[in-house]
Amino acid sequence: FSFEPVTDVPVYHEDVRVWKVNRAGK
């Protein structure tokens, strides 16, 4: 796995953080 933080999605509370998850380049 590799993780990339994203900020281009809505969240339901300011505490929520989101990452895009990749595996084998996908």
mmCIF file of all heavy atoms, coordinates in Angstrom:
data_MODEL
# 
_entry.id   MODEL 
# 
loop_
_atom_site.group_PDB 
_atom_site.id 
_atom_site.type_symbol 
_atom_site.label_atom_id 
_atom_site.label_alt_id 
_atom_site.label_comp_id 
_atom_site.label_asym_id 
_atom_site.label_entity_id 
_atom_site.label_seq_id 
_atom_site.pdbx_PDB_ins_code 
_atom_site.Cartn_x 
_atom_site.Cartn_y 
_atom_site.Cartn_z 
_atom_site.occupancy 
_atom_site.B_iso_or_equiv 
_atom_site.pdbx_formal_charge 
_atom_site.auth_seq_id 
_atom_site.auth_comp_id 
_atom_site.auth_asym_id 
_atom_site.auth_atom_id 
_atom_site.pdbx_PDB_model_num 
ATOM 1   N N   . PHE A 1 1  ? 0.828   -1.197 0.000   1.00 0.00 ? 1  PHE A N   1 
ATOM 2   C CA  . PHE A 1 1  ? 0.000   0.000  0.000   1.00 0.00 ? 1  PHE A CA  1 
ATOM 3   C C   . PHE A 1 1  ? 0.870   1.258  0.000   1.00 0.00 ? 1  PHE A C   1 
ATOM 4   O O   . PHE A 1 1  ? 1.962   1.280  0.551   1.00 0.00 ? 1  PHE A O   1 
ATOM 5   C CB  . PHE A 1 1  ? -0.873  0.064  1.255   1.00 0.00 ? 1  PHE A CB  1 
ATOM 6   C CG  . PHE A 1 1  ? -2.047  -0.881 1.274   1.00 0.00 ? 1  PHE A CG  1 
ATOM 7   C CD1 . PHE A 1 1  ? -2.877  -0.948 2.382   1.00 0.00 ? 1  PHE A CD1 1 
ATOM 8   C CD2 . PHE A 1 1  ? -2.334  -1.708 0.202   1.00 0.00 ? 1  PHE A CD2 1 
ATOM 9   C CE1 . PHE A 1 1  ? -3.963  -1.793 2.419   1.00 0.00 ? 1  PHE A CE1 1 
ATOM 10  C CE2 . PHE A 1 1  ? -3.417  -2.565 0.230   1.00 0.00 ? 1  PHE A CE2 1 
ATOM 11  C CZ  . PHE A 1 1  ? -4.234  -2.606 1.344   1.00 0.00 ? 1  PHE A CZ  1 
ATOM 12  N N   . SER A 1 2  ? 0.336   2.329  -0.569  1.00 0.00 ? 2  SER A N   1 
ATOM 13  C CA  . SER A 1 2  ? 0.872   3.673  -0.364  1.00 0.00 ? 2  SER A CA  1 
ATOM 14  C C   . SER A 1 2  ? -0.313  4.621  -0.184  1.00 0.00 ? 2  SER A C   1 
ATOM 15  O O   . SER A 1 2  ? -1.396  4.375  -0.722  1.00 0.00 ? 2  SER A O   1 
ATOM 16  C CB  . SER A 1 2  ? 1.748   4.118  -1.534  1.00 0.00 ? 2  SER A CB  1 
ATOM 17  O OG  . SER A 1 2  ? 0.991   4.217  -2.729  1.00 0.00 ? 2  SER A OG  1 
ATOM 18  N N   . PHE A 1 3  ? -0.092  5.694  0.585   1.00 0.00 ? 3  PHE A N   1 
ATOM 19  C CA  . PHE A 1 3  ? -1.181  6.589  0.974   1.00 0.00 ? 3  PHE A CA  1 
ATOM 20  C C   . PHE A 1 3  ? -0.852  8.020  0.579   1.00 0.00 ? 3  PHE A C   1 
ATOM 21  O O   . PHE A 1 3  ? 0.248   8.512  0.838   1.00 0.00 ? 3  PHE A O   1 
ATOM 22  C CB  . PHE A 1 3  ? -1.421  6.507  2.483   1.00 0.00 ? 3  PHE A CB  1 
ATOM 23  C CG  . PHE A 1 3  ? -1.929  5.175  2.941   1.00 0.00 ? 3  PHE A CG  1 
ATOM 24  C CD1 . PHE A 1 3  ? -1.049  4.119  3.147   1.00 0.00 ? 3  PHE A CD1 1 
ATOM 25  C CD2 . PHE A 1 3  ? -3.278  4.965  3.154   1.00 0.00 ? 3  PHE A CD2 1 
ATOM 26  C CE1 . PHE A 1 3  ? -1.505  2.882  3.558   1.00 0.00 ? 3  PHE A CE1 1 
ATOM 27  C CE2 . PHE A 1 3  ? -3.745  3.734  3.570   1.00 0.00 ? 3  PHE A CE2 1 
ATOM 28  C CZ  . PHE A 1 3  ? -2.861  2.685  3.769   1.00 0.00 ? 3  PHE A CZ  1 
ATOM 29  N N   . GLU A 1 4  ? -1.828  8.671  -0.012  1.00 0.00 ? 4  GLU A N   1 
ATOM 30  C CA  . GLU A 1 4  ? -1.666  10.053 -0.453  1.00 0.00 ? 4  GLU A CA  1 
ATOM 31  C C   . GLU A 1 4  ? -2.816  10.887 0.114   1.00 0.00 ? 4  GLU A C   1 
ATOM 32  O O   . GLU A 1 4  ? -3.984  10.640 -0.204  1.00 0.00 ? 4  GLU A O   1 
ATOM 33  C CB  . GLU A 1 4  ? -1.685  10.106 -1.982  1.00 0.00 ? 4  GLU A CB  1 
ATOM 34  C CG  . GLU A 1 4  ? -1.541  11.487 -2.566  1.00 0.00 ? 4  GLU A CG  1 
ATOM 35  C CD  . GLU A 1 4  ? -1.684  11.471 -4.082  1.00 0.00 ? 4  GLU A CD  1 
ATOM 36  O OE1 . GLU A 1 4  ? -1.421  10.417 -4.701  1.00 0.00 ? 4  GLU A OE1 1 
ATOM 37  O OE2 . GLU A 1 4  ? -2.069  12.512 -4.641  1.00 0.00 ? 4  GLU A OE2 1 
ATOM 38  N N   . PRO A 1 5  ? -2.524  11.864 0.979   1.00 0.00 ? 5  PRO A N   1 
ATOM 39  C CA  . PRO A 1 5  ? -3.605  12.691 1.536   1.00 0.00 ? 5  PRO A CA  1 
ATOM 40  C C   . PRO A 1 5  ? -4.356  13.431 0.432   1.00 0.00 ? 5  PRO A C   1 
ATOM 41  O O   . PRO A 1 5  ? -3.752  13.897 -0.536  1.00 0.00 ? 5  PRO A O   1 
ATOM 42  C CB  . PRO A 1 5  ? -2.868  13.683 2.449   1.00 0.00 ? 5  PRO A CB  1 
ATOM 43  C CG  . PRO A 1 5  ? -1.509  13.111 2.646   1.00 0.00 ? 5  PRO A CG  1 
ATOM 44  C CD  . PRO A 1 5  ? -1.196  12.293 1.434   1.00 0.00 ? 5  PRO A CD  1 
ATOM 45  N N   . VAL A 1 6  ? -5.659  13.520 0.578   1.00 0.00 ? 6  VAL A N   1 
ATOM 46  C CA  . VAL A 1 6  ? -6.467  14.262 -0.396  1.00 0.00 ? 6  VAL A CA  1 
ATOM 47  C C   . VAL A 1 6  ? -7.342  15.260 0.350   1.00 0.00 ? 6  VAL A C   1 
ATOM 48  O O   . VAL A 1 6  ? -7.783  15.013 1.473   1.00 0.00 ? 6  VAL A O   1 
ATOM 49  C CB  . VAL A 1 6  ? -7.338  13.325 -1.263  1.00 0.00 ? 6  VAL A CB  1 
ATOM 50  C CG1 . VAL A 1 6  ? -6.472  12.383 -2.074  1.00 0.00 ? 6  VAL A CG1 1 
ATOM 51  C CG2 . VAL A 1 6  ? -8.331  12.539 -0.419  1.00 0.00 ? 6  VAL A CG2 1 
ATOM 52  N N   . THR A 1 7  ? -7.584  16.374 -0.285  1.00 0.00 ? 7  THR A N   1 
ATOM 53  C CA  . THR A 1 7  ? -8.434  17.412 0.304   1.00 0.00 ? 7  THR A CA  1 
ATOM 54  C C   . THR A 1 7  ? -9.543  17.836 -0.649  1.00 0.00 ? 7  THR A C   1 
ATOM 55  O O   . THR A 1 7  ? -10.239 18.817 -0.385  1.00 0.00 ? 7  THR A O   1 
ATOM 56  C CB  . THR A 1 7  ? -7.584  18.646 0.673   1.00 0.00 ? 7  THR A CB  1 
ATOM 57  O OG1 . THR A 1 7  ? -6.898  19.108 -0.501  1.00 0.00 ? 7  THR A OG1 1 
ATOM 58  C CG2 . THR A 1 7  ? -6.566  18.311 1.752   1.00 0.00 ? 7  THR A CG2 1 
ATOM 59  N N   . ASP A 1 8  ? -9.705  17.079 -1.732  1.00 0.00 ? 8  ASP A N   1 
ATOM 60  C CA  . ASP A 1 8  ? -10.685 17.468 -2.742  1.00 0.00 ? 8  ASP A CA  1 
ATOM 61  C C   . ASP A 1 8  ? -11.992 16.690 -2.619  1.00 0.00 ? 8  ASP A C   1 
ATOM 62  O O   . ASP A 1 8  ? -12.719 16.525 -3.590  1.00 0.00 ? 8  ASP A O   1 
ATOM 63  C CB  . ASP A 1 8  ? -10.101 17.306 -4.151  1.00 0.00 ? 8  ASP A CB  1 
ATOM 64  C CG  . ASP A 1 8  ? -9.583  15.897 -4.418  1.00 0.00 ? 8  ASP A CG  1 
ATOM 65  O OD1 . ASP A 1 8  ? -9.467  15.109 -3.459  1.00 0.00 ? 8  ASP A OD1 1 
ATOM 66  O OD2 . ASP A 1 8  ? -9.302  15.580 -5.594  1.00 0.00 ? 8  ASP A OD2 1 
ATOM 67  N N   . VAL A 1 9  ? -12.277 16.188 -1.393  1.00 0.00 ? 9  VAL A N   1 
ATOM 68  C CA  . VAL A 1 9  ? -13.546 15.492 -1.163  1.00 0.00 ? 9  VAL A CA  1 
ATOM 69  C C   . VAL A 1 9  ? -14.215 16.103 0.065   1.00 0.00 ? 9  VAL A C   1 
ATOM 70  O O   . VAL A 1 9  ? -13.532 16.543 1.001   1.00 0.00 ? 9  VAL A O   1 
ATOM 71  C CB  . VAL A 1 9  ? -13.341 13.980 -0.957  1.00 0.00 ? 9  VAL A CB  1 
ATOM 72  C CG1 . VAL A 1 9  ? -12.679 13.351 -2.175  1.00 0.00 ? 9  VAL A CG1 1 
ATOM 73  C CG2 . VAL A 1 9  ? -12.538 13.679 0.293   1.00 0.00 ? 9  VAL A CG2 1 
ATOM 74  N N   . PRO A 1 10 ? -15.549 16.149 0.091   1.00 0.00 ? 10 PRO A N   1 
ATOM 75  C CA  . PRO A 1 10 ? -16.239 16.678 1.274   1.00 0.00 ? 10 PRO A CA  1 
ATOM 76  C C   . PRO A 1 10 ? -16.097 15.718 2.453   1.00 0.00 ? 10 PRO A C   1 
ATOM 77  O O   . PRO A 1 10 ? -15.987 14.504 2.266   1.00 0.00 ? 10 PRO A O   1 
ATOM 78  C CB  . PRO A 1 10 ? -17.704 16.771 0.831   1.00 0.00 ? 10 PRO A CB  1 
ATOM 79  C CG  . PRO A 1 10 ? -17.753 16.396 -0.594  1.00 0.00 ? 10 PRO A CG  1 
ATOM 80  C CD  . PRO A 1 10 ? -16.472 15.742 -0.967  1.00 0.00 ? 10 PRO A CD  1 
ATOM 81  N N   . VAL A 1 11 ? -16.101 16.252 3.661   1.00 0.00 ? 11 VAL A N   1 
ATOM 82  C CA  . VAL A 1 11 ? -16.100 15.440 4.878   1.00 0.00 ? 11 VAL A CA  1 
ATOM 83  C C   . VAL A 1 11 ? -17.262 15.904 5.753   1.00 0.00 ? 11 VAL A C   1 
ATOM 84  O O   . VAL A 1 11 ? -17.771 17.010 5.592   1.00 0.00 ? 11 VAL A O   1 
ATOM 85  C CB  . VAL A 1 11 ? -14.768 15.544 5.642   1.00 0.00 ? 11 VAL A CB  1 
ATOM 86  C CG1 . VAL A 1 11 ? -13.639 14.914 4.835   1.00 0.00 ? 11 VAL A CG1 1 
ATOM 87  C CG2 . VAL A 1 11 ? -14.431 16.990 5.983   1.00 0.00 ? 11 VAL A CG2 1 
ATOM 88  N N   . TYR A 1 12 ? -17.670 15.038 6.686   1.00 0.00 ? 12 TYR A N   1 
ATOM 89  C CA  . TYR A 1 12 ? -18.842 15.366 7.504   1.00 0.00 ? 12 TYR A CA  1 
ATOM 90  C C   . TYR A 1 12 ? -18.471 16.107 8.794   1.00 0.00 ? 12 TYR A C   1 
ATOM 91  O O   . TYR A 1 12 ? -19.340 16.587 9.520   1.00 0.00 ? 12 TYR A O   1 
ATOM 92  C CB  . TYR A 1 12 ? -19.650 14.107 7.838   1.00 0.00 ? 12 TYR A CB  1 
ATOM 93  C CG  . TYR A 1 12 ? -18.861 13.013 8.515   1.00 0.00 ? 12 TYR A CG  1 
ATOM 94  C CD1 . TYR A 1 12 ? -18.648 13.016 9.888   1.00 0.00 ? 12 TYR A CD1 1 
ATOM 95  C CD2 . TYR A 1 12 ? -18.338 11.957 7.787   1.00 0.00 ? 12 TYR A CD2 1 
ATOM 96  C CE1 . TYR A 1 12 ? -17.930 12.019 10.506  1.00 0.00 ? 12 TYR A CE1 1 
ATOM 97  C CE2 . TYR A 1 12 ? -17.624 10.945 8.397   1.00 0.00 ? 12 TYR A CE2 1 
ATOM 98  C CZ  . TYR A 1 12 ? -17.426 10.982 9.764   1.00 0.00 ? 12 TYR A CZ  1 
ATOM 99  O OH  . TYR A 1 12 ? -16.708 9.976  10.377  1.00 0.00 ? 12 TYR A OH  1 
ATOM 100 N N   . HIS A 1 13 ? -17.151 16.181 9.103   1.00 0.00 ? 13 HIS A N   1 
ATOM 101 C CA  . HIS A 1 13 ? -16.683 16.922 10.276  1.00 0.00 ? 13 HIS A CA  1 
ATOM 102 C C   . HIS A 1 13 ? -15.251 17.350 10.022  1.00 0.00 ? 13 HIS A C   1 
ATOM 103 O O   . HIS A 1 13 ? -14.495 16.650 9.345   1.00 0.00 ? 13 HIS A O   1 
ATOM 104 C CB  . HIS A 1 13 ? -16.773 16.043 11.534  1.00 0.00 ? 13 HIS A CB  1 
ATOM 105 C CG  . HIS A 1 13 ? -16.554 16.795 12.813  1.00 0.00 ? 13 HIS A CG  1 
ATOM 106 N ND1 . HIS A 1 13 ? -15.302 17.064 13.314  1.00 0.00 ? 13 HIS A ND1 1 
ATOM 107 C CD2 . HIS A 1 13 ? -17.436 17.332 13.698  1.00 0.00 ? 13 HIS A CD2 1 
ATOM 108 C CE1 . HIS A 1 13 ? -15.420 17.743 14.449  1.00 0.00 ? 13 HIS A CE1 1 
ATOM 109 N NE2 . HIS A 1 13 ? -16.699 17.915 14.705  1.00 0.00 ? 13 HIS A NE2 1 
ATOM 110 N N   . GLU A 1 14 ? -14.883 18.464 10.584  1.00 0.00 ? 14 GLU A N   1 
ATOM 111 C CA  . GLU A 1 14 ? -13.542 19.004 10.327  1.00 0.00 ? 14 GLU A CA  1 
ATOM 112 C C   . GLU A 1 14 ? -12.424 18.075 10.811  1.00 0.00 ? 14 GLU A C   1 
ATOM 113 O O   . GLU A 1 14 ? -11.280 18.177 10.347  1.00 0.00 ? 14 GLU A O   1 
ATOM 114 C CB  . GLU A 1 14 ? -13.394 20.370 11.000  1.00 0.00 ? 14 GLU A CB  1 
ATOM 115 C CG  . GLU A 1 14 ? -13.535 20.329 12.511  1.00 0.00 ? 14 GLU A CG  1 
ATOM 116 C CD  . GLU A 1 14 ? -13.436 21.703 13.155  1.00 0.00 ? 14 GLU A CD  1 
ATOM 117 O OE1 . GLU A 1 14 ? -13.423 22.702 12.421  1.00 0.00 ? 14 GLU A OE1 1 
ATOM 118 O OE2 . GLU A 1 14 ? -13.384 21.766 14.402  1.00 0.00 ? 14 GLU A OE2 1 
ATOM 119 N N   . ASP A 1 15 ? -12.715 17.171 11.734  1.00 0.00 ? 15 ASP A N   1 
ATOM 120 C CA  . ASP A 1 15 ? -11.696 16.247 12.241  1.00 0.00 ? 15 ASP A CA  1 
ATOM 121 C C   . ASP A 1 15 ? -11.359 15.129 11.252  1.00 0.00 ? 15 ASP A C   1 
ATOM 122 O O   . ASP A 1 15 ? -10.344 14.446 11.410  1.00 0.00 ? 15 ASP A O   1 
ATOM 123 C CB  . ASP A 1 15 ? -12.163 15.590 13.546  1.00 0.00 ? 15 ASP A CB  1 
ATOM 124 C CG  . ASP A 1 15 ? -12.157 16.556 14.720  1.00 0.00 ? 15 ASP A CG  1 
ATOM 125 O OD1 . ASP A 1 15 ? -11.466 17.587 14.636  1.00 0.00 ? 15 ASP A OD1 1 
ATOM 126 O OD2 . ASP A 1 15 ? -12.846 16.274 15.722  1.00 0.00 ? 15 ASP A OD2 1 
ATOM 127 N N   . VAL A 1 16 ? -12.214 14.905 10.270  1.00 0.00 ? 16 VAL A N   1 
ATOM 128 C CA  . VAL A 1 16 ? -12.038 13.769 9.363   1.00 0.00 ? 16 VAL A CA  1 
ATOM 129 C C   . VAL A 1 16 ? -10.960 14.060 8.329   1.00 0.00 ? 16 VAL A C   1 
ATOM 130 O O   . VAL A 1 16 ? -10.958 15.120 7.693   1.00 0.00 ? 16 VAL A O   1 
ATOM 131 C CB  . VAL A 1 16 ? -13.368 13.429 8.653   1.00 0.00 ? 16 VAL A CB  1 
ATOM 132 C CG1 . VAL A 1 16 ? -13.173 12.260 7.679   1.00 0.00 ? 16 VAL A CG1 1 
ATOM 133 C CG2 . VAL A 1 16 ? -14.443 13.087 9.683   1.00 0.00 ? 16 VAL A CG2 1 
ATOM 134 N N   . ARG A 1 17 ? -10.039 13.099 8.170   1.00 0.00 ? 17 ARG A N   1 
ATOM 135 C CA  . ARG A 1 17 ? -9.004  13.190 7.140   1.00 0.00 ? 17 ARG A CA  1 
ATOM 136 C C   . ARG A 1 17 ? -9.182  12.047 6.146   1.00 0.00 ? 17 ARG A C   1 
ATOM 137 O O   . ARG A 1 17 ? -9.732  10.994 6.486   1.00 0.00 ? 17 ARG A O   1 
ATOM 138 C CB  . ARG A 1 17 ? -7.607  13.115 7.775   1.00 0.00 ? 17 ARG A CB  1 
ATOM 139 C CG  . ARG A 1 17 ? -7.253  14.347 8.600   1.00 0.00 ? 17 ARG A CG  1 
ATOM 140 C CD  . ARG A 1 17 ? -5.890  14.205 9.252   1.00 0.00 ? 17 ARG A CD  1 
ATOM 141 N NE  . ARG A 1 17 ? -5.935  13.293 10.393  1.00 0.00 ? 17 ARG A NE  1 
ATOM 142 C CZ  . ARG A 1 17 ? -4.852  12.800 11.003  1.00 0.00 ? 17 ARG A CZ  1 
ATOM 143 N NH1 . ARG A 1 17 ? -3.645  13.110 10.550  1.00 0.00 ? 17 ARG A NH1 1 
ATOM 144 N NH2 . ARG A 1 17 ? -4.977  11.998 12.039  1.00 0.00 ? 17 ARG A NH2 1 
ATOM 145 N N   . VAL A 1 18 ? -8.712  12.271 4.919   1.00 0.00 ? 18 VAL A N   1 
ATOM 146 C CA  . VAL A 1 18 ? -8.944  11.307 3.842   1.00 0.00 ? 18 VAL A CA  1 
ATOM 147 C C   . VAL A 1 18 ? -7.641  11.053 3.092   1.00 0.00 ? 18 VAL A C   1 
ATOM 148 O O   . VAL A 1 18 ? -6.860  11.988 2.853   1.00 0.00 ? 18 VAL A O   1 
ATOM 149 C CB  . VAL A 1 18 ? -10.021 11.816 2.855   1.00 0.00 ? 18 VAL A CB  1 
ATOM 150 C CG1 . VAL A 1 18 ? -10.380 10.722 1.842   1.00 0.00 ? 18 VAL A CG1 1 
ATOM 151 C CG2 . VAL A 1 18 ? -11.271 12.300 3.597   1.00 0.00 ? 18 VAL A CG2 1 
ATOM 152 N N   . TRP A 1 19 ? -7.427  9.786  2.728   1.00 0.00 ? 19 TRP A N   1 
ATOM 153 C CA  . TRP A 1 19 ? -6.257  9.402  1.932   1.00 0.00 ? 19 TRP A CA  1 
ATOM 154 C C   . TRP A 1 19 ? -6.687  8.576  0.726   1.00 0.00 ? 19 TRP A C   1 
ATOM 155 O O   . TRP A 1 19 ? -7.625  7.760  0.817   1.00 0.00 ? 19 TRP A O   1 
ATOM 156 C CB  . TRP A 1 19 ? -5.293  8.551  2.750   1.00 0.00 ? 19 TRP A CB  1 
ATOM 157 C CG  . TRP A 1 19 ? -4.517  9.268  3.799   1.00 0.00 ? 19 TRP A CG  1 
ATOM 158 C CD1 . TRP A 1 19 ? -3.260  9.775  3.700   1.00 0.00 ? 19 TRP A CD1 1 
ATOM 159 C CD2 . TRP A 1 19 ? -4.936  9.546  5.152   1.00 0.00 ? 19 TRP A CD2 1 
ATOM 160 N NE1 . TRP A 1 19 ? -2.864  10.344 4.881   1.00 0.00 ? 19 TRP A NE1 1 
ATOM 161 C CE2 . TRP A 1 19 ? -3.870  10.219 5.792   1.00 0.00 ? 19 TRP A CE2 1 
ATOM 162 C CE3 . TRP A 1 19 ? -6.115  9.292  5.872   1.00 0.00 ? 19 TRP A CE3 1 
ATOM 163 C CZ2 . TRP A 1 19 ? -3.945  10.630 7.119   1.00 0.00 ? 19 TRP A CZ2 1 
ATOM 164 C CZ3 . TRP A 1 19 ? -6.198  9.706  7.183   1.00 0.00 ? 19 TRP A CZ3 1 
ATOM 165 C CH2 . TRP A 1 19 ? -5.120  10.371 7.801   1.00 0.00 ? 19 TRP A CH2 1 
ATOM 166 N N   . LYS A 1 20 ? -6.003  8.774  -0.368  1.00 0.00 ? 20 LYS A N   1 
ATOM 167 C CA  . LYS A 1 20 ? -6.114  7.892  -1.523  1.00 0.00 ? 20 LYS A CA  1 
ATOM 168 C C   . LYS A 1 20 ? -5.156  6.730  -1.290  1.00 0.00 ? 20 LYS A C   1 
ATOM 169 O O   . LYS A 1 20 ? -4.005  6.929  -0.917  1.00 0.00 ? 20 LYS A O   1 
ATOM 170 C CB  . LYS A 1 20 ? -5.749  8.647  -2.809  1.00 0.00 ? 20 LYS A CB  1 
ATOM 171 C CG  . LYS A 1 20 ? -5.888  7.815  -4.070  1.00 0.00 ? 20 LYS A CG  1 
ATOM 172 C CD  . LYS A 1 20 ? -5.742  8.666  -5.328  1.00 0.00 ? 20 LYS A CD  1 
ATOM 173 C CE  . LYS A 1 20 ? -4.318  9.052  -5.583  1.00 0.00 ? 20 LYS A CE  1 
ATOM 174 N NZ  . LYS A 1 20 ? -4.116  9.677  -6.915  1.00 0.00 ? 20 LYS A NZ  1 
ATOM 175 N N   . VAL A 1 21 ? -5.633  5.518  -1.527  1.00 0.00 ? 21 VAL A N   1 
ATOM 176 C CA  . VAL A 1 21 ? -4.825  4.325  -1.277  1.00 0.00 ? 21 VAL A CA  1 
ATOM 177 C C   . VAL A 1 21 ? -4.452  3.688  -2.611  1.00 0.00 ? 21 VAL A C   1 
ATOM 178 O O   . VAL A 1 21 ? -5.329  3.415  -3.447  1.00 0.00 ? 21 VAL A O   1 
ATOM 179 C CB  . VAL A 1 21 ? -5.583  3.299  -0.408  1.00 0.00 ? 21 VAL A CB  1 
ATOM 180 C CG1 . VAL A 1 21 ? -4.650  2.154  -0.016  1.00 0.00 ? 21 VAL A CG1 1 
ATOM 181 C CG2 . VAL A 1 21 ? -6.167  3.969  0.831   1.00 0.00 ? 21 VAL A CG2 1 
ATOM 182 N N   . ASN A 1 22 ? -3.157  3.473  -2.809  1.00 0.00 ? 22 ASN A N   1 
ATOM 183 C CA  . ASN A 1 22 ? -2.649  2.858  -4.035  1.00 0.00 ? 22 ASN A CA  1 
ATOM 184 C C   . ASN A 1 22 ? -1.978  1.529  -3.717  1.00 0.00 ? 22 ASN A C   1 
ATOM 185 O O   . ASN A 1 22 ? -1.444  1.330  -2.628  1.00 0.00 ? 22 ASN A O   1 
ATOM 186 C CB  . ASN A 1 22 ? -1.637  3.775  -4.718  1.00 0.00 ? 22 ASN A CB  1 
ATOM 187 C CG  . ASN A 1 22 ? -2.238  5.106  -5.114  1.00 0.00 ? 22 ASN A CG  1 
ATOM 188 O OD1 . ASN A 1 22 ? -3.199  5.161  -5.868  1.00 0.00 ? 22 ASN A OD1 1 
ATOM 189 N ND2 . ASN A 1 22 ? -1.684  6.187  -4.589  1.00 0.00 ? 22 ASN A ND2 1 
ATOM 190 N N   . ARG A 1 23 ? -1.987  0.646  -4.716  1.00 0.00 ? 23 ARG A N   1 
ATOM 191 C CA  . ARG A 1 23 ? -1.273  -0.629 -4.599  1.00 0.00 ? 23 ARG A CA  1 
ATOM 192 C C   . ARG A 1 23 ? -0.815  -1.046 -5.989  1.00 0.00 ? 23 ARG A C   1 
ATOM 193 O O   . ARG A 1 23 ? -1.618  -1.032 -6.933  1.00 0.00 ? 23 ARG A O   1 
ATOM 194 C CB  . ARG A 1 23 ? -2.178  -1.714 -3.984  1.00 0.00 ? 23 ARG A CB  1 
ATOM 195 C CG  . ARG A 1 23 ? -1.470  -3.039 -3.724  1.00 0.00 ? 23 ARG A CG  1 
ATOM 196 C CD  . ARG A 1 23 ? -2.361  -3.970 -2.903  1.00 0.00 ? 23 ARG A CD  1 
ATOM 197 N NE  . ARG A 1 23 ? -1.649  -5.172 -2.504  1.00 0.00 ? 23 ARG A NE  1 
ATOM 198 C CZ  . ARG A 1 23 ? -1.852  -6.377 -3.023  1.00 0.00 ? 23 ARG A CZ  1 
ATOM 199 N NH1 . ARG A 1 23 ? -2.777  -6.555 -3.968  1.00 0.00 ? 23 ARG A NH1 1 
ATOM 200 N NH2 . ARG A 1 23 ? -1.141  -7.407 -2.605  1.00 0.00 ? 23 ARG A NH2 1 
ATOM 201 N N   . ALA A 1 24 ? 0.454   -1.397 -6.105  1.00 0.00 ? 24 ALA A N   1 
ATOM 202 C CA  . ALA A 1 24 ? 1.032   -1.809 -7.390  1.00 0.00 ? 24 ALA A CA  1 
ATOM 203 C C   . ALA A 1 24 ? 0.786   -0.754 -8.466  1.00 0.00 ? 24 ALA A C   1 
ATOM 204 O O   . ALA A 1 24 ? 0.436   -1.068 -9.607  1.00 0.00 ? 24 ALA A O   1 
ATOM 205 C CB  . ALA A 1 24 ? 0.450   -3.154 -7.818  1.00 0.00 ? 24 ALA A CB  1 
ATOM 206 N N   . GLY A 1 25 ? 0.926   0.520  -8.070  1.00 0.00 ? 25 GLY A N   1 
ATOM 207 C CA  . GLY A 1 25 ? 0.785   1.609  -9.021  1.00 0.00 ? 25 GLY A CA  1 
ATOM 208 C C   . GLY A 1 25 ? -0.629  1.930  -9.434  1.00 0.00 ? 25 GLY A C   1 
ATOM 209 O O   . GLY A 1 25 ? -0.853  2.702  -10.365 1.00 0.00 ? 25 GLY A O   1 
ATOM 210 N N   . LYS A 1 26 ? -1.611  1.381  -8.710  1.00 0.00 ? 26 LYS A N   1 
ATOM 211 C CA  . LYS A 1 26 ? -3.010  1.566  -9.086  1.00 0.00 ? 26 LYS A CA  1 
ATOM 212 C C   . LYS A 1 26 ? -3.825  1.947  -7.856  1.00 0.00 ? 26 LYS A C   1 
ATOM 213 O O   . LYS A 1 26 ? -3.648  1.382  -6.782  1.00 0.00 ? 26 LYS A O   1 
ATOM 214 C CB  . LYS A 1 26 ? -3.551  0.260  -9.689  1.00 0.00 ? 26 LYS A CB  1 
ATOM 215 C CG  . LYS A 1 26 ? -4.996  0.301  -10.106 1.00 0.00 ? 26 LYS A CG  1 
ATOM 216 C CD  . LYS A 1 26 ? -5.426  -1.065 -10.649 1.00 0.00 ? 26 LYS A CD  1 
ATOM 217 C CE  . LYS A 1 26 ? -6.896  -1.077 -11.025 1.00 0.00 ? 26 LYS A CE  1 
ATOM 218 N NZ  . LYS A 1 26 ? -7.337  -2.422 -11.478 1.00 0.00 ? 26 LYS A NZ  1 
# 
